[in-house]
Amino acid sequence: MSGSRTISERTLYAISLVVAALFLCNIYYQLHIAPNWQWGPALDKMPKHMLTDFRAEVYENGKGGYAAGEYIASDAEYNKDLFPEFADGVNANSELVQPLIGDGRTVVAVHKLTVNGSEQTVVDVYHIGPRGGRIDNIQRYIAQ
């Protein structure tokens, strides 16, 4: 074949090193500069595991106010009146009726909730936000 051009093996090696360096620089940029990450309780955890930790703080340790501050986003959408257990010092017990159900970043807890001696069966639907790993939406349904 007349007029064909070839690239030497050394040139291909140098090009591959440059491409590899560009990939590494991009990974560094994405992990350390671009994402604007903040600490969040769900980092390195699946949503069900994060919610298990949240429930332990609220119902086992009695630190509902602390848990609400650490695990729930400041702009979360939920009716605070339906969640009296999200305050420190509230006597609240919860017994799961069935295991937590998770689908993506949404977790459902069906439990018997006793707050100040009053027992109700409730269904709580939690949504974990995409950044920072905090709860950004909670809906509570109370069984009649």
C-alpha atoms as a PDB file:
ATOM      1  CA  MET A   1       0.000   0.000   0.000  1.00  0.00           C
ATOM      2  CA  SER A   2       1.698   3.127  -1.149  1.00  0.00           C
ATOM      3  CA  GLY A   3       1.434   6.339   0.839  1.00  0.00           C
ATOM      4  CA  SER A   4       0.239   4.659   4.054  1.00  0.00           C
ATOM      5  CA  ARG A   5       1.365   6.097   7.337  1.00  0.00           C
ATOM      6  CA  THR A   6       2.274   4.169  10.442  1.00  0.00           C
ATOM      7  CA  ILE A   7       2.567   5.206  14.044  1.00  0.00           C
ATOM      8  CA  SER A   8       5.416   3.836  16.059  1.00  0.00           C
ATOM      9  CA  GLU A   9       4.835   1.716  19.130  1.00  0.00           C
ATOM     10  CA  ARG A  10       6.578   4.308  21.295  1.00  0.00           C
ATOM     11  CA  THR A  11       4.149   7.035  20.108  1.00  0.00           C
ATOM     12  CA  LEU A  12       1.135   4.827  20.919  1.00  0.00           C
ATOM     13  CA  TYR A  13       2.603   4.147  24.358  1.00  0.00           C
ATOM     14  CA  ALA A  14       3.028   7.881  25.019  1.00  0.00           C
ATOM     15  CA  ILE A  15      -0.538   8.609  23.850  1.00  0.00           C
ATOM     16  CA  SER A  16      -1.930   5.890  26.139  1.00  0.00           C
ATOM     17  CA  LEU A  17      -0.045   7.370  29.112  1.00  0.00           C
ATOM     18  CA  VAL A  18      -1.470  10.822  28.386  1.00  0.00           C
ATOM     19  CA  VAL A  19      -5.013   9.409  28.106  1.00  0.00           C
ATOM     20  CA  ALA A  20      -4.573   7.487  31.383  1.00  0.00           C
ATOM     21  CA  ALA A  21      -3.334  10.650  33.115  1.00  0.00           C
ATOM     22  CA  LEU A  22      -6.369  12.562  31.816  1.00  0.00           C
ATOM     23  CA  PHE A  23      -8.705   9.875  33.194  1.00  0.00           C
ATOM     24  CA  LEU A  24      -7.005  10.023  36.597  1.00  0.00           C
ATOM     25  CA  CYS A  25      -7.225  13.820  36.649  1.00  0.00           C
ATOM     26  CA  ASN A  26     -10.934  13.610  35.819  1.00  0.00           C
ATOM     27  CA  ILE A  27     -11.550  11.109  38.629  1.00  0.00           C
ATOM     28  CA  TYR A  28      -9.686  13.341  41.093  1.00  0.00           C
ATOM     29  CA  TYR A  29     -11.685  16.363  39.937  1.00  0.00           C
ATOM     30  CA  GLN A  30     -15.032  14.558  40.255  1.00  0.00           C
ATOM     31  CA  LEU A  31     -14.277  13.230  43.737  1.00  0.00           C
ATOM     32  CA  HIS A  32     -12.525  16.190  45.327  1.00  0.00           C
ATOM     33  CA  ILE A  33     -13.541  19.409  43.592  1.00  0.00           C
ATOM     34  CA  ALA A  34     -16.819  19.112  41.661  1.00  0.00           C
ATOM     35  CA  PRO A  35     -19.429  17.386  43.825  1.00  0.00           C
ATOM     36  CA  ASN A  36     -19.788  19.862  46.737  1.00  0.00           C
ATOM     37  CA  TRP A  37     -20.321  16.944  49.116  1.00  0.00           C
ATOM     38  CA  GLN A  38     -21.241  17.577  52.690  1.00  0.00           C
ATOM     39  CA  TRP A  39     -21.148  15.047  55.481  1.00  0.00           C
ATOM     40  CA  GLY A  40     -24.289  12.977  55.571  1.00  0.00           C
ATOM     41  CA  PRO A  41     -25.442   9.983  57.573  1.00  0.00           C
ATOM     42  CA  ALA A  42     -26.117   7.881  54.463  1.00  0.00           C
ATOM     43  CA  LEU A  43     -22.640   8.128  52.979  1.00  0.00           C
ATOM     44  CA  ASP A  44     -21.244   4.597  52.561  1.00  0.00           C
ATOM     45  CA  LYS A  45     -24.587   3.097  53.650  1.00  0.00           C
ATOM     46  CA  MET A  46     -27.645   1.750  51.934  1.00  0.00           C
ATOM     47  CA  PRO A  47     -30.862   3.690  52.698  1.00  0.00           C
ATOM     48  CA  LYS A  48     -32.267   0.879  54.876  1.00  0.00           C
ATOM     49  CA  HIS A  49     -29.087   0.839  56.973  1.00  0.00           C
ATOM     50  CA  MET A  50     -29.189   4.605  57.393  1.00  0.00           C
ATOM     51  CA  LEU A  51     -32.829   4.448  58.459  1.00  0.00           C
ATOM     52  CA  THR A  52     -32.017   1.654  60.922  1.00  0.00           C
ATOM     53  CA  ASP A  53     -29.421   3.952  62.515  1.00  0.00           C
ATOM     54  CA  PHE A  54     -31.938   6.827  62.540  1.00  0.00           C
ATOM     55  CA  ARG A  55     -34.603   4.666  64.204  1.00  0.00           C
ATOM     56  CA  ALA A  56     -32.083   3.478  66.814  1.00  0.00           C
ATOM     57  CA  GLU A  57     -31.279   7.079  67.769  1.00  0.00           C
ATOM     58  CA  VAL A  58     -34.956   8.054  67.996  1.00  0.00           C
ATOM     59  CA  TYR A  59     -36.560   5.003  69.617  1.00  0.00           C
ATOM     60  CA  GLU A  60     -33.772   3.125  71.436  1.00  0.00           C
ATOM     61  CA  ASN A  61     -31.543   5.997  72.573  1.00  0.00           C
ATOM     62  CA  GLY A  62     -34.310   8.598  73.055  1.00  0.00           C
ATOM     63  CA  LYS A  63     -32.398  11.233  71.073  1.00  0.00           C
ATOM     64  CA  GLY A  64     -35.137  12.280  68.672  1.00  0.00           C
ATOM     65  CA  GLY A  65     -34.004  15.903  68.509  1.00  0.00           C
ATOM     66  CA  TYR A  66     -30.417  14.918  67.806  1.00  0.00           C
ATOM     67  CA  ALA A  67     -31.516  12.386  65.175  1.00  0.00           C
ATOM     68  CA  ALA A  68     -33.798  14.916  63.486  1.00  0.00           C
ATOM     69  CA  GLY A  69     -30.955  17.425  63.300  1.00  0.00           C
ATOM     70  CA  GLU A  70     -28.402  14.951  61.954  1.00  0.00           C
ATOM     71  CA  TYR A  71     -30.487  12.719  59.688  1.00  0.00           C
ATOM     72  CA  ILE A  72     -33.224  15.031  58.360  1.00  0.00           C
ATOM     73  CA  ALA A  73     -32.395  17.811  55.887  1.00  0.00           C
ATOM     74  CA  SER A  74     -33.168  21.333  57.066  1.00  0.00           C
ATOM     75  CA  ASP A  75     -35.539  21.844  54.121  1.00  0.00           C
ATOM     76  CA  ALA A  76     -37.242  18.437  54.439  1.00  0.00           C
ATOM     77  CA  GLU A  77     -40.942  18.211  53.732  1.00  0.00           C
ATOM     78  CA  TYR A  78     -42.910  16.631  56.582  1.00  0.00           C
ATOM     79  CA  ASN A  79     -45.606  17.564  59.087  1.00  0.00           C
ATOM     80  CA  LYS A  80     -43.718  18.113  62.351  1.00  0.00           C
ATOM     81  CA  ASP A  81     -46.940  17.748  64.366  1.00  0.00           C
ATOM     82  CA  LEU A  82     -47.236  14.100  63.297  1.00  0.00           C
ATOM     83  CA  PHE A  83     -43.747  13.296  64.646  1.00  0.00           C
ATOM     84  CA  PRO A  84     -43.643  14.189  68.370  1.00  0.00           C
ATOM     85  CA  GLU A  85     -40.872  11.619  68.866  1.00  0.00           C
ATOM     86  CA  PHE A  86     -38.438  13.857  66.945  1.00  0.00           C
ATOM     87  CA  ALA A  87     -37.678  15.802  70.136  1.00  0.00           C
ATOM     88  CA  ASP A  88     -35.205  14.863  72.854  1.00  0.00           C
ATOM     89  CA  GLY A  89     -36.627  13.346  76.018  1.00  0.00           C
ATOM     90  CA  VAL A  90     -39.899  12.102  74.499  1.00  0.00           C
ATOM     91  CA  ASN A  91     -40.863   8.631  75.717  1.00  0.00           C
ATOM     92  CA  ALA A  92     -41.395   6.834  72.393  1.00  0.00           C
ATOM     93  CA  ASN A  93     -41.202   3.129  71.611  1.00  0.00           C
ATOM     94  CA  SER A  94     -41.449   1.536  68.202  1.00  0.00           C
ATOM     95  CA  GLU A  95     -41.858  -2.102  67.252  1.00  0.00           C
ATOM     96  CA  LEU A  96     -41.588  -2.960  63.582  1.00  0.00           C
ATOM     97  CA  VAL A  97     -44.582  -4.963  62.361  1.00  0.00           C
ATOM     98  CA  GLN A  98     -42.533  -6.149  59.381  1.00  0.00           C
ATOM     99  CA  PRO A  99     -38.963  -5.549  58.208  1.00  0.00           C
ATOM    100  CA  LEU A 100     -38.116  -2.226  56.585  1.00  0.00           C
ATOM    101  CA  ILE A 101     -39.021  -2.134  52.905  1.00  0.00           C
ATOM    102  CA  GLY A 102     -36.627  -0.297  50.624  1.00  0.00           C
ATOM    103  CA  ASP A 103     -36.814   0.636  46.959  1.00  0.00           C
ATOM    104  CA  GLY A 104     -34.054   2.903  45.733  1.00  0.00           C
ATOM    105  CA  ARG A 105     -33.821   5.850  48.111  1.00  0.00           C
ATOM    106  CA  THR A 106     -37.332   5.295  49.499  1.00  0.00           C
ATOM    107  CA  VAL A 107     -37.762   3.250  52.684  1.00  0.00           C
ATOM    108  CA  VAL A 108     -41.066   2.273  54.322  1.00  0.00           C
ATOM    109  CA  ALA A 109     -41.423   1.435  58.025  1.00  0.00           C
ATOM    110  CA  VAL A 110     -44.629  -0.208  59.266  1.00  0.00           C
ATOM    111  CA  HIS A 111     -44.543  -0.120  63.055  1.00  0.00           C
ATOM    112  CA  LYS A 112     -46.496   0.060  66.289  1.00  0.00           C
ATOM    113  CA  LEU A 113     -45.625   3.415  67.780  1.00  0.00           C
ATOM    114  CA  THR A 114     -46.167   4.207  71.451  1.00  0.00           C
ATOM    115  CA  VAL A 115     -45.712   7.871  72.374  1.00  0.00           C
ATOM    116  CA  ASN A 116     -46.484   8.924  75.960  1.00  0.00           C
ATOM    117  CA  GLY A 117     -48.594   5.778  76.527  1.00  0.00           C
ATOM    118  CA  SER A 118     -50.681   6.088  73.342  1.00  0.00           C
ATOM    119  CA  GLU A 119     -50.212   3.218  70.852  1.00  0.00           C
ATOM    120  CA  GLN A 120     -50.881   3.538  67.112  1.00  0.00           C
ATOM    121  CA  THR A 121     -49.993   1.493  64.067  1.00  0.00           C
ATOM    122  CA  VAL A 122     -48.319   3.804  61.572  1.00  0.00           C
ATOM    123  CA  VAL A 123     -46.705   3.603  58.155  1.00  0.00           C
ATOM    124  CA  ASP A 124     -43.806   5.998  57.641  1.00  0.00           C
ATOM    125  CA  VAL A 125     -42.464   6.585  54.126  1.00  0.00           C
ATOM    126  CA  TYR A 126     -38.967   8.098  54.123  1.00  0.00           C
ATOM    127  CA  HIS A 127     -37.148   9.452  51.079  1.00  0.00           C
ATOM    128  CA  ILE A 128     -33.376   9.920  51.230  1.00  0.00           C
ATOM    129  CA  GLY A 129     -32.087  12.914  49.262  1.00  0.00           C
ATOM    130  CA  PRO A 130     -29.453  12.571  46.533  1.00  0.00           C
ATOM    131  CA  ARG A 131     -26.854  14.896  48.085  1.00  0.00           C
ATOM    132  CA  GLY A 132     -25.519  14.580  51.597  1.00  0.00           C
ATOM    133  CA  GLY A 133     -27.575  11.483  52.355  1.00  0.00           C
ATOM    134  CA  ARG A 134     -30.238  13.092  54.531  1.00  0.00           C
ATOM    135  CA  ILE A 135     -33.968  12.430  54.712  1.00  0.00           C
ATOM    136  CA  ASP A 136     -35.704  15.012  52.529  1.00  0.00           C
ATOM    137  CA  ASN A 137     -39.332  13.841  52.726  1.00  0.00           C
ATOM    138  CA  ILE A 138     -41.352  11.891  55.302  1.00  0.00           C
ATOM    139  CA  GLN A 139     -44.994  10.916  55.062  1.00  0.00           C
ATOM    140  CA  ARG A 140     -46.879   9.280  57.944  1.00  0.00           C
ATOM    141  CA  TYR A 141     -50.079   7.304  57.547  1.00  0.00           C
ATOM    142  CA  ILE A 142     -51.931   6.325  60.737  1.00  0.00           C
ATOM    143  CA  ALA A 143     -54.036   3.141  60.778  1.00  0.00           C
ATOM    144  CA  GLN A 144     -57.569   3.566  62.092  1.00  0.00           C
END
